């Protein structure tokens, strides 16, 4: 798990997104699928997926902002970032984007 926490998620090239009424939506370019983030925590995580925040930094922000234990935040953020990658919305890198 420690290695996964040091990864930097970034939106895949061509993914378009915005926040509408406080919730994020994103579109994958290859299939024009609309992905909706149906809660404020998912939207907050998506907004930190910029290639400059590591998964660990995203976990820190979630713990600081919401009433959640670190272990649970780690599991949930890792699962959510994994789902974003599986759906073609993000790429993971070992180094931060400049």
C-alpha atoms as a PDB file:
ATOM      1  CA  UNK A   1       0.000   0.000   0.000  1.00  0.00           C
ATOM      2  CA  UNK A   2       2.885   2.397   0.732  1.00  0.00           C
ATOM      3  CA  UNK A   3       3.957   2.364  -2.914  1.00  0.00           C
ATOM      4  CA  UNK A   4       0.467   3.165  -4.095  1.00  0.00           C
ATOM      5  CA  UNK A   5       0.301   6.134  -1.726  1.00  0.00           C
ATOM      6  CA  UNK A   6       3.393   7.637  -3.399  1.00  0.00           C
ATOM      7  CA  UNK A   7       1.799   7.673  -6.851  1.00  0.00           C
ATOM      8  CA  UNK A   8       0.585  10.861  -8.508  1.00  0.00           C
ATOM      9  CA  UNK A   9      -2.745  10.552 -10.304  1.00  0.00           C
ATOM     10  CA  UNK A  10      -3.350  12.897 -13.214  1.00  0.00           C
ATOM     11  CA  UNK A  11      -6.274  13.152 -15.632  1.00  0.00           C
ATOM     12  CA  UNK A  12      -5.657  11.287 -18.872  1.00  0.00           C
ATOM     13  CA  UNK A  13      -5.101  13.433 -21.910  1.00  0.00           C
ATOM     14  CA  UNK A  14      -8.357  14.572 -23.422  1.00  0.00           C
ATOM     15  CA  UNK A  15     -10.522  13.981 -20.341  1.00  0.00           C
ATOM     16  CA  UNK A  16     -12.846  16.948 -19.954  1.00  0.00           C
ATOM     17  CA  UNK A  17     -14.332  17.756 -16.577  1.00  0.00           C
ATOM     18  CA  UNK A  18     -16.055  20.433 -14.570  1.00  0.00           C
ATOM     19  CA  UNK A  19     -17.964  20.909 -11.356  1.00  0.00           C
ATOM     20  CA  UNK A  20     -21.705  21.435 -11.784  1.00  0.00           C
ATOM     21  CA  UNK A  21     -23.838  22.284  -8.754  1.00  0.00           C
ATOM     22  CA  UNK A  22     -20.997  21.209  -6.467  1.00  0.00           C
ATOM     23  CA  UNK A  23     -20.451  17.796  -8.057  1.00  0.00           C
ATOM     24  CA  UNK A  24     -17.839  16.835 -10.643  1.00  0.00           C
ATOM     25  CA  UNK A  25     -18.559  15.323 -14.033  1.00  0.00           C
ATOM     26  CA  UNK A  26     -15.976  14.058 -16.515  1.00  0.00           C
ATOM     27  CA  UNK A  27     -16.038  12.691 -20.048  1.00  0.00           C
ATOM     28  CA  UNK A  28     -13.614  10.117 -21.433  1.00  0.00           C
ATOM     29  CA  UNK A  29     -12.689  11.101 -24.986  1.00  0.00           C
ATOM     30  CA  UNK A  30     -12.388   7.667 -26.567  1.00  0.00           C
ATOM     31  CA  UNK A  31     -15.976   6.635 -25.851  1.00  0.00           C
ATOM     32  CA  UNK A  32     -17.666   9.911 -24.819  1.00  0.00           C
ATOM     33  CA  UNK A  33     -18.824   8.313 -21.576  1.00  0.00           C
ATOM     34  CA  UNK A  34     -20.076  10.751 -18.963  1.00  0.00           C
ATOM     35  CA  UNK A  35     -18.803   9.937 -15.472  1.00  0.00           C
ATOM     36  CA  UNK A  36     -20.546  11.584 -12.530  1.00  0.00           C
ATOM     37  CA  UNK A  37     -19.106  11.981  -9.047  1.00  0.00           C
ATOM     38  CA  UNK A  38     -22.150  11.723  -6.867  1.00  0.00           C
ATOM     39  CA  UNK A  39     -20.831  13.010  -3.555  1.00  0.00           C
ATOM     40  CA  UNK A  40     -18.722  15.904  -2.289  1.00  0.00           C
ATOM     41  CA  UNK A  41     -15.830  13.672  -1.188  1.00  0.00           C
ATOM     42  CA  UNK A  42     -15.474  12.155  -4.662  1.00  0.00           C
ATOM     43  CA  UNK A  43     -15.579  15.642  -6.152  1.00  0.00           C
ATOM     44  CA  UNK A  44     -12.940  16.873  -3.691  1.00  0.00           C
ATOM     45  CA  UNK A  45     -10.670  13.956  -4.600  1.00  0.00           C
ATOM     46  CA  UNK A  46     -11.185  14.561  -8.327  1.00  0.00           C
ATOM     47  CA  UNK A  47     -10.199  18.201  -7.913  1.00  0.00           C
ATOM     48  CA  UNK A  48      -6.909  17.089  -6.307  1.00  0.00           C
ATOM     49  CA  UNK A  49      -6.128  14.662  -9.130  1.00  0.00           C
ATOM     50  CA  UNK A  50      -3.796  17.052 -10.932  1.00  0.00           C
ATOM     51  CA  UNK A  51      -0.465  15.226 -11.099  1.00  0.00           C
ATOM     52  CA  UNK A  52       0.970  17.436  -8.360  1.00  0.00           C
ATOM     53  CA  UNK A  53      -0.772  15.792  -5.383  1.00  0.00           C
ATOM     54  CA  UNK A  54       0.269  12.271  -4.428  1.00  0.00           C
ATOM     55  CA  UNK A  55      -2.335   9.802  -3.265  1.00  0.00           C
ATOM     56  CA  UNK A  56      -0.890  10.291   0.249  1.00  0.00           C
ATOM     57  CA  UNK A  57      -1.455  14.058   0.001  1.00  0.00           C
ATOM     58  CA  UNK A  58      -5.024  13.458  -1.148  1.00  0.00           C
ATOM     59  CA  UNK A  59      -5.568  11.174   1.850  1.00  0.00           C
ATOM     60  CA  UNK A  60      -4.188  13.894   4.136  1.00  0.00           C
ATOM     61  CA  UNK A  61      -6.649  16.415   2.706  1.00  0.00           C
ATOM     62  CA  UNK A  62      -9.578  14.026   3.099  1.00  0.00           C
ATOM     63  CA  UNK A  63      -8.636  13.306   6.733  1.00  0.00           C
ATOM     64  CA  UNK A  64      -8.248  17.029   7.466  1.00  0.00           C
ATOM     65  CA  UNK A  65     -11.534  17.983   5.802  1.00  0.00           C
ATOM     66  CA  UNK A  66     -13.908  15.144   6.687  1.00  0.00           C
ATOM     67  CA  UNK A  67     -14.491  13.163   9.856  1.00  0.00           C
ATOM     68  CA  UNK A  68     -12.802   9.942   8.817  1.00  0.00           C
ATOM     69  CA  UNK A  69     -10.040   7.795  10.249  1.00  0.00           C
ATOM     70  CA  UNK A  70      -6.778   7.700   8.286  1.00  0.00           C
ATOM     71  CA  UNK A  71      -6.925   3.940   7.604  1.00  0.00           C
ATOM     72  CA  UNK A  72     -10.420   4.224   6.177  1.00  0.00           C
ATOM     73  CA  UNK A  73      -9.446   7.298   4.140  1.00  0.00           C
ATOM     74  CA  UNK A  74      -6.436   5.450   2.704  1.00  0.00           C
ATOM     75  CA  UNK A  75      -8.549   2.453   1.686  1.00  0.00           C
ATOM     76  CA  UNK A  76     -11.293   4.595   0.201  1.00  0.00           C
ATOM     77  CA  UNK A  77      -9.007   6.999  -1.670  1.00  0.00           C
ATOM     78  CA  UNK A  78      -6.917   4.129  -3.061  1.00  0.00           C
ATOM     79  CA  UNK A  79     -10.076   2.319  -4.184  1.00  0.00           C
ATOM     80  CA  UNK A  80     -11.509   5.457  -5.777  1.00  0.00           C
ATOM     81  CA  UNK A  81      -8.282   6.351  -7.593  1.00  0.00           C
ATOM     82  CA  UNK A  82      -8.087   2.731  -8.785  1.00  0.00           C
ATOM     83  CA  UNK A  83     -11.633   3.000 -10.116  1.00  0.00           C
ATOM     84  CA  UNK A  84     -10.764   6.254 -11.897  1.00  0.00           C
ATOM     85  CA  UNK A  85      -7.791   4.517 -13.535  1.00  0.00           C
ATOM     86  CA  UNK A  86      -9.909   1.495 -14.466  1.00  0.00           C
ATOM     87  CA  UNK A  87     -12.455   3.772 -16.136  1.00  0.00           C
ATOM     88  CA  UNK A  88      -9.759   5.546 -18.133  1.00  0.00           C
ATOM     89  CA  UNK A  89     -10.025   8.870 -16.350  1.00  0.00           C
ATOM     90  CA  UNK A  90      -6.568   9.009 -14.755  1.00  0.00           C
ATOM     91  CA  UNK A  91      -3.022   7.802 -15.183  1.00  0.00           C
ATOM     92  CA  UNK A  92      -0.707   7.094 -12.274  1.00  0.00           C
ATOM     93  CA  UNK A  93       2.906   8.209 -12.187  1.00  0.00           C
ATOM     94  CA  UNK A  94       5.760   7.696  -9.733  1.00  0.00           C
ATOM     95  CA  UNK A  95       6.749  11.352 -10.105  1.00  0.00           C
ATOM     96  CA  UNK A  96       4.871  14.618  -9.689  1.00  0.00           C
ATOM     97  CA  UNK A  97       3.968  16.613 -12.741  1.00  0.00           C
ATOM     98  CA  UNK A  98       5.599  20.025 -12.916  1.00  0.00           C
END
